[in-house]
Amino acid sequence: GLVQAGGSLRLACVVSGTIFGINTMD
C-alpha cells in the first residue's frame, strides 16, 4: 500500500496448493 516515510508495513505471502517440501522462502 501507500505509506509515509518513516512508517511501517507488514507483507504476507500465503502459499496454497499441493507442495512437497518448501525449502527457502524469499
PDB file of all heavy atoms in Angstrom:
ATOM      1  N   GLY A   1       0.812  -1.195   0.000  1.00  0.00           N
ATOM      2  CA  GLY A   1       0.000   0.000   0.000  1.00  0.00           C
ATOM      3  C   GLY A   1       0.845   1.242   0.000  1.00  0.00           C
ATOM      4  O   GLY A   1       2.047   1.203  -0.278  1.00  0.00           O
ATOM      5  N   LEU A   2       0.189   2.353   0.330  1.00  0.00           N
ATOM      6  CA  LEU A   2       0.842   3.656   0.380  1.00  0.00           C
ATOM      7  C   LEU A   2       1.108   4.019   1.829  1.00  0.00           C
ATOM      8  O   LEU A   2       0.195   3.945   2.664  1.00  0.00           O
ATOM      9  CB  LEU A   2      -0.059   4.701  -0.275  1.00  0.00           C
ATOM     10  CG  LEU A   2       0.410   6.156  -0.201  1.00  0.00           C
ATOM     11  CD1 LEU A   2       1.724   6.331  -0.960  1.00  0.00           C
ATOM     12  CD2 LEU A   2      -0.666   7.079  -0.767  1.00  0.00           C
ATOM     13  N   VAL A   3       2.327   4.406   2.117  1.00  0.00           N
ATOM     14  CA  VAL A   3       2.705   4.767   3.481  1.00  0.00           C
ATOM     15  C   VAL A   3       3.661   5.949   3.435  1.00  0.00           C
ATOM     16  O   VAL A   3       4.402   6.126   2.456  1.00  0.00           O
ATOM     17  CB  VAL A   3       3.341   3.554   4.201  1.00  0.00           C
ATOM     18  CG1 VAL A   3       4.643   3.139   3.535  1.00  0.00           C
ATOM     19  CG2 VAL A   3       3.535   3.814   5.679  1.00  0.00           C
ATOM     20  N   GLN A   4       3.633   6.764   4.461  1.00  0.00           N
ATOM     21  CA  GLN A   4       4.565   7.885   4.545  1.00  0.00           C
ATOM     22  C   GLN A   4       5.943   7.411   4.985  1.00  0.00           C
ATOM     23  O   GLN A   4       6.075   6.389   5.680  1.00  0.00           O
ATOM     24  CB  GLN A   4       4.045   8.939   5.513  1.00  0.00           C
ATOM     25  CG  GLN A   4       2.848   9.724   4.985  1.00  0.00           C
ATOM     26  CD  GLN A   4       2.473  10.875   5.896  1.00  0.00           C
ATOM     27  OE1 GLN A   4       2.708  10.830   7.093  1.00  0.00           O
ATOM     28  NE2 GLN A   4       1.889  11.907   5.314  1.00  0.00           N
ATOM     29  N   ALA A   5       6.939   8.160   4.611  1.00  0.00           N
ATOM     30  CA  ALA A   5       8.306   7.845   5.038  1.00  0.00           C
ATOM     31  C   ALA A   5       8.355   7.761   6.567  1.00  0.00           C
ATOM     32  O   ALA A   5       7.743   8.569   7.265  1.00  0.00           O
ATOM     33  CB  ALA A   5       9.273   8.904   4.527  1.00  0.00           C
ATOM     34  N   GLY A   6       9.055   6.755   7.036  1.00  0.00           N
ATOM     35  CA  GLY A   6       9.132   6.502   8.470  1.00  0.00           C
ATOM     36  C   GLY A   6       8.109   5.515   8.983  1.00  0.00           C
ATOM     37  O   GLY A   6       8.209   5.043  10.124  1.00  0.00           O
ATOM     38  N   GLY A   7       7.146   5.202   8.152  1.00  0.00           N
ATOM     39  CA  GLY A   7       6.096   4.273   8.546  1.00  0.00           C
ATOM     40  C   GLY A   7       6.487   2.823   8.385  1.00  0.00           C
ATOM     41  O   GLY A   7       7.633   2.501   8.030  1.00  0.00           O
ATOM     42  N   SER A   8       5.528   1.955   8.661  1.00  0.00           N
ATOM     43  CA  SER A   8       5.769   0.511   8.617  1.00  0.00           C
ATOM     44  C   SER A   8       4.680  -0.186   7.814  1.00  0.00           C
ATOM     45  O   SER A   8       3.550   0.291   7.733  1.00  0.00           O
ATOM     46  CB  SER A   8       5.783  -0.067  10.041  1.00  0.00           C
ATOM     47  OG  SER A   8       6.824   0.480  10.814  1.00  0.00           O
ATOM     48  N   LEU A   9       5.051  -1.310   7.253  1.00  0.00           N
ATOM     49  CA  LEU A   9       4.112  -2.213   6.603  1.00  0.00           C
ATOM     50  C   LEU A   9       4.539  -3.637   6.896  1.00  0.00           C
ATOM     51  O   LEU A   9       5.729  -3.914   7.079  1.00  0.00           O
ATOM     52  CB  LEU A   9       4.088  -2.008   5.092  1.00  0.00           C
ATOM     53  CG  LEU A   9       3.383  -0.776   4.527  1.00  0.00           C
ATOM     54  CD1 LEU A   9       3.589  -0.694   3.028  1.00  0.00           C
ATOM     55  CD2 LEU A   9       1.900  -0.803   4.852  1.00  0.00           C
ATOM     56  N   ARG A  10       3.556  -4.530   6.893  1.00  0.00           N
ATOM     57  CA  ARG A  10       3.848  -5.952   7.038  1.00  0.00           C
ATOM     58  C   ARG A  10       3.255  -6.691   5.854  1.00  0.00           C
ATOM     59  O   ARG A  10       2.033  -6.696   5.667  1.00  0.00           O
ATOM     60  CB  ARG A  10       3.271  -6.505   8.332  1.00  0.00           C
ATOM     61  CG  ARG A  10       3.719  -7.939   8.641  1.00  0.00           C
ATOM     62  CD  ARG A  10       2.960  -8.511   9.793  1.00  0.00           C
ATOM     63  NE  ARG A  10       3.545  -9.754  10.305  1.00  0.00           N
ATOM     64  CZ  ARG A  10       2.843 -10.745  10.831  1.00  0.00           C
ATOM     65  NH1 ARG A  10       1.530 -10.649  10.920  1.00  0.00           N
ATOM     66  NH2 ARG A  10       3.459 -11.829  11.288  1.00  0.00           N
ATOM     67  N   LEU A  11       4.107  -7.286   5.074  1.00  0.00           N
ATOM     68  CA  LEU A  11       3.673  -8.068   3.931  1.00  0.00           C
ATOM     69  C   LEU A  11       3.514  -9.530   4.341  1.00  0.00           C
ATOM     70  O   LEU A  11       4.233 -10.021   5.215  1.00  0.00           O
ATOM     71  CB  LEU A  11       4.677  -7.984   2.792  1.00  0.00           C
ATOM     72  CG  LEU A  11       5.073  -6.588   2.312  1.00  0.00           C
ATOM     73  CD1 LEU A  11       6.022  -6.695   1.126  1.00  0.00           C
ATOM     74  CD2 LEU A  11       3.860  -5.760   1.961  1.00  0.00           C
ATOM     75  N   ALA A  12       2.583 -10.186   3.691  1.00  0.00           N
ATOM     76  CA  ALA A  12       2.386 -11.614   3.902  1.00  0.00           C
ATOM     77  C   ALA A  12       2.278 -12.301   2.547  1.00  0.00           C
ATOM     78  O   ALA A  12       1.780 -11.724   1.582  1.00  0.00           O
ATOM     79  CB  ALA A  12       1.131 -11.877   4.724  1.00  0.00           C
ATOM     80  N   CYS A  13       2.733 -13.520   2.486  1.00  0.00           N
ATOM     81  CA  CYS A  13       2.631 -14.318   1.269  1.00  0.00           C
ATOM     82  C   CYS A  13       2.156 -15.705   1.676  1.00  0.00           C
ATOM     83  O   CYS A  13       2.874 -16.428   2.389  1.00  0.00           O
ATOM     84  CB  CYS A  13       3.969 -14.398   0.562  1.00  0.00           C
ATOM     85  SG  CYS A  13       4.007 -15.513  -0.859  1.00  0.00           S
ATOM     86  N   VAL A  14       0.967 -16.046   1.222  1.00  0.00           N
ATOM     87  CA  VAL A  14       0.369 -17.338   1.556  1.00  0.00           C
ATOM     88  C   VAL A  14       0.527 -18.278   0.374  1.00  0.00           C
ATOM     89  O   VAL A  14       0.167 -17.930  -0.765  1.00  0.00           O
ATOM     90  CB  VAL A  14      -1.115 -17.182   1.917  1.00  0.00           C
ATOM     91  CG1 VAL A  14      -1.721 -18.541   2.246  1.00  0.00           C
ATOM     92  CG2 VAL A  14      -1.283 -16.233   3.088  1.00  0.00           C
ATOM     93  N   VAL A  15       1.030 -19.451   0.652  1.00  0.00           N
ATOM     94  CA  VAL A  15       1.243 -20.465  -0.381  1.00  0.00           C
ATOM     95  C   VAL A  15       0.150 -21.512  -0.281  1.00  0.00           C
ATOM     96  O   VAL A  15      -0.101 -22.062   0.794  1.00  0.00           O
ATOM     97  CB  VAL A  15       2.619 -21.140  -0.211  1.00  0.00           C
ATOM     98  CG1 VAL A  15       2.848 -22.156  -1.328  1.00  0.00           C
ATOM     99  CG2 VAL A  15       3.728 -20.107  -0.191  1.00  0.00           C
ATOM    100  N   SER A  16      -0.514 -21.773  -1.387  1.00  0.00           N
ATOM    101  CA  SER A  16      -1.561 -22.785  -1.408  1.00  0.00           C
ATOM    102  C   SER A  16      -1.287 -23.790  -2.517  1.00  0.00           C
ATOM    103  O   SER A  16      -0.530 -23.520  -3.441  1.00  0.00           O
ATOM    104  CB  SER A  16      -2.932 -22.141  -1.591  1.00  0.00           C
ATOM    105  OG  SER A  16      -2.991 -21.465  -2.833  1.00  0.00           O
ATOM    106  N   GLY A  17      -1.960 -24.934  -2.415  1.00  0.00           N
ATOM    107  CA  GLY A  17      -1.771 -25.978  -3.411  1.00  0.00           C
ATOM    108  C   GLY A  17      -0.953 -27.122  -2.842  1.00  0.00           C
ATOM    109  O   GLY A  17      -0.489 -27.080  -1.707  1.00  0.00           O
ATOM    110  N   THR A  18      -0.767 -28.105  -3.657  1.00  0.00           N
ATOM    111  CA  THR A  18      -0.029 -29.293  -3.242  1.00  0.00           C
ATOM    112  C   THR A  18       1.457 -29.076  -3.470  1.00  0.00           C
ATOM    113  O   THR A  18       1.907 -28.944  -4.606  1.00  0.00           O
ATOM    114  CB  THR A  18      -0.498 -30.521  -4.024  1.00  0.00           C
ATOM    115  OG1 THR A  18      -1.903 -30.703  -3.804  1.00  0.00           O
ATOM    116  CG2 THR A  18       0.252 -31.755  -3.543  1.00  0.00           C
ATOM    117  N   ILE A  19       2.187 -29.035  -2.376  1.00  0.00           N
ATOM    118  CA  ILE A  19       3.630 -28.796  -2.445  1.00  0.00           C
ATOM    119  C   ILE A  19       4.325 -29.813  -1.564  1.00  0.00           C
ATOM    120  O   ILE A  19       3.881 -30.077  -0.445  1.00  0.00           O
ATOM    121  CB  ILE A  19       4.002 -27.386  -1.954  1.00  0.00           C
ATOM    122  CG1 ILE A  19       3.244 -26.326  -2.741  1.00  0.00           C
ATOM    123  CG2 ILE A  19       5.492 -27.159  -2.045  1.00  0.00           C
ATOM    124  CD1 ILE A  19       3.467 -24.931  -2.249  1.00  0.00           C
ATOM    125  N   PHE A  20       5.404 -30.348  -2.063  1.00  0.00           N
ATOM    126  CA  PHE A  20       6.194 -31.277  -1.271  1.00  0.00           C
ATOM    127  C   PHE A  20       7.524 -30.633  -0.954  1.00  0.00           C
ATOM    128  O   PHE A  20       8.396 -30.527  -1.791  1.00  0.00           O
ATOM    129  CB  PHE A  20       6.380 -32.581  -2.028  1.00  0.00           C
ATOM    130  CG  PHE A  20       5.087 -33.288  -2.317  1.00  0.00           C
ATOM    131  CD1 PHE A  20       4.492 -33.197  -3.565  1.00  0.00           C
ATOM    132  CD2 PHE A  20       4.439 -34.009  -1.334  1.00  0.00           C
ATOM    133  CE1 PHE A  20       3.292 -33.829  -3.833  1.00  0.00           C
ATOM    134  CE2 PHE A  20       3.243 -34.655  -1.591  1.00  0.00           C
ATOM    135  CZ  PHE A  20       2.662 -34.554  -2.836  1.00  0.00           C
ATOM    136  N   GLY A  21       7.619 -30.134   0.258  1.00  0.00           N
ATOM    137  CA  GLY A  21       8.915 -29.650   0.708  1.00  0.00           C
ATOM    138  C   GLY A  21       9.262 -28.242   0.291  1.00  0.00           C
ATOM    139  O   GLY A  21       9.967 -28.026  -0.691  1.00  0.00           O
ATOM    140  N   ILE A  22       8.749 -27.262   1.033  1.00  0.00           N
ATOM    141  CA  ILE A  22       9.180 -25.885   0.815  1.00  0.00           C
ATOM    142  C   ILE A  22      10.493 -25.696   1.552  1.00  0.00           C
ATOM    143  O   ILE A  22      10.574 -25.901   2.760  1.00  0.00           O
ATOM    144  CB  ILE A  22       8.145 -24.878   1.321  1.00  0.00           C
ATOM    145  CG1 ILE A  22       6.819 -25.047   0.572  1.00  0.00           C
ATOM    146  CG2 ILE A  22       8.673 -23.459   1.148  1.00  0.00           C
ATOM    147  CD1 ILE A  22       5.724 -24.136   1.086  1.00  0.00           C
ATOM    148  N   ASN A  23      11.498 -25.306   0.838  1.00  0.00           N
ATOM    149  CA  ASN A  23      12.787 -25.052   1.469  1.00  0.00           C
ATOM    150  C   ASN A  23      12.898 -23.577   1.822  1.00  0.00           C
ATOM    151  O   ASN A  23      12.330 -23.118   2.785  1.00  0.00           O
ATOM    152  CB  ASN A  23      13.912 -25.537   0.573  1.00  0.00           C
ATOM    153  CG  ASN A  23      13.855 -27.046   0.386  1.00  0.00           C
ATOM    154  OD1 ASN A  23      13.529 -27.792   1.302  1.00  0.00           O
ATOM    155  ND2 ASN A  23      14.129 -27.504  -0.810  1.00  0.00           N
ATOM    156  N   THR A  24      13.547 -22.812   0.995  1.00  0.00           N
ATOM    157  CA  THR A  24      13.738 -21.399   1.284  1.00  0.00           C
ATOM    158  C   THR A  24      12.545 -20.590   0.799  1.00  0.00           C
ATOM    159  O   THR A  24      11.965 -20.882  -0.242  1.00  0.00           O
ATOM    160  CB  THR A  24      15.018 -20.902   0.606  1.00  0.00           C
ATOM    161  OG1 THR A  24      16.118 -21.693   1.051  1.00  0.00           O
ATOM    162  CG2 THR A  24      15.285 -19.458   0.955  1.00  0.00           C
ATOM    163  N   MET A  25      12.189 -19.568   1.577  1.00  0.00           N
ATOM    164  CA  MET A  25      11.150 -18.609   1.193  1.00  0.00           C
ATOM    165  C   MET A  25      11.818 -17.242   1.122  1.00  0.00           C
ATOM    166  O   MET A  25      12.569 -16.860   2.031  1.00  0.00           O
ATOM    167  CB  MET A  25      10.004 -18.615   2.200  1.00  0.00           C
ATOM    168  CG  MET A  25       9.400 -20.000   2.418  1.00  0.00           C
ATOM    169  SD  MET A  25       8.027 -20.026   3.595  1.00  0.00           S
ATOM    170  CE  MET A  25       6.648 -19.597   2.524  1.00  0.00           C
ATOM    171  N   ASP A  26      11.567 -16.536   0.044  1.00  0.00           N
ATOM    172  CA  ASP A  26      12.285 -15.291  -0.239  1.00  0.00           C
ATOM    173  C   ASP A  26      11.320 -14.134  -0.478  1.00  0.00           C
ATOM    174  O   ASP A  26      10.184 -14.336  -0.906  1.00  0.00           O
ATOM    175  CB  ASP A  26      13.118 -15.413  -1.522  1.00  0.00           C
ATOM    176  CG  ASP A  26      13.841 -16.728  -1.675  1.00  0.00           C
ATOM    177  OD1 ASP A  26      14.334 -17.254  -0.663  1.00  0.00           O
ATOM    178  OD2 ASP A  26      13.917 -17.216  -2.807  1.00  0.00           O
TER     179      ASP A  26
END
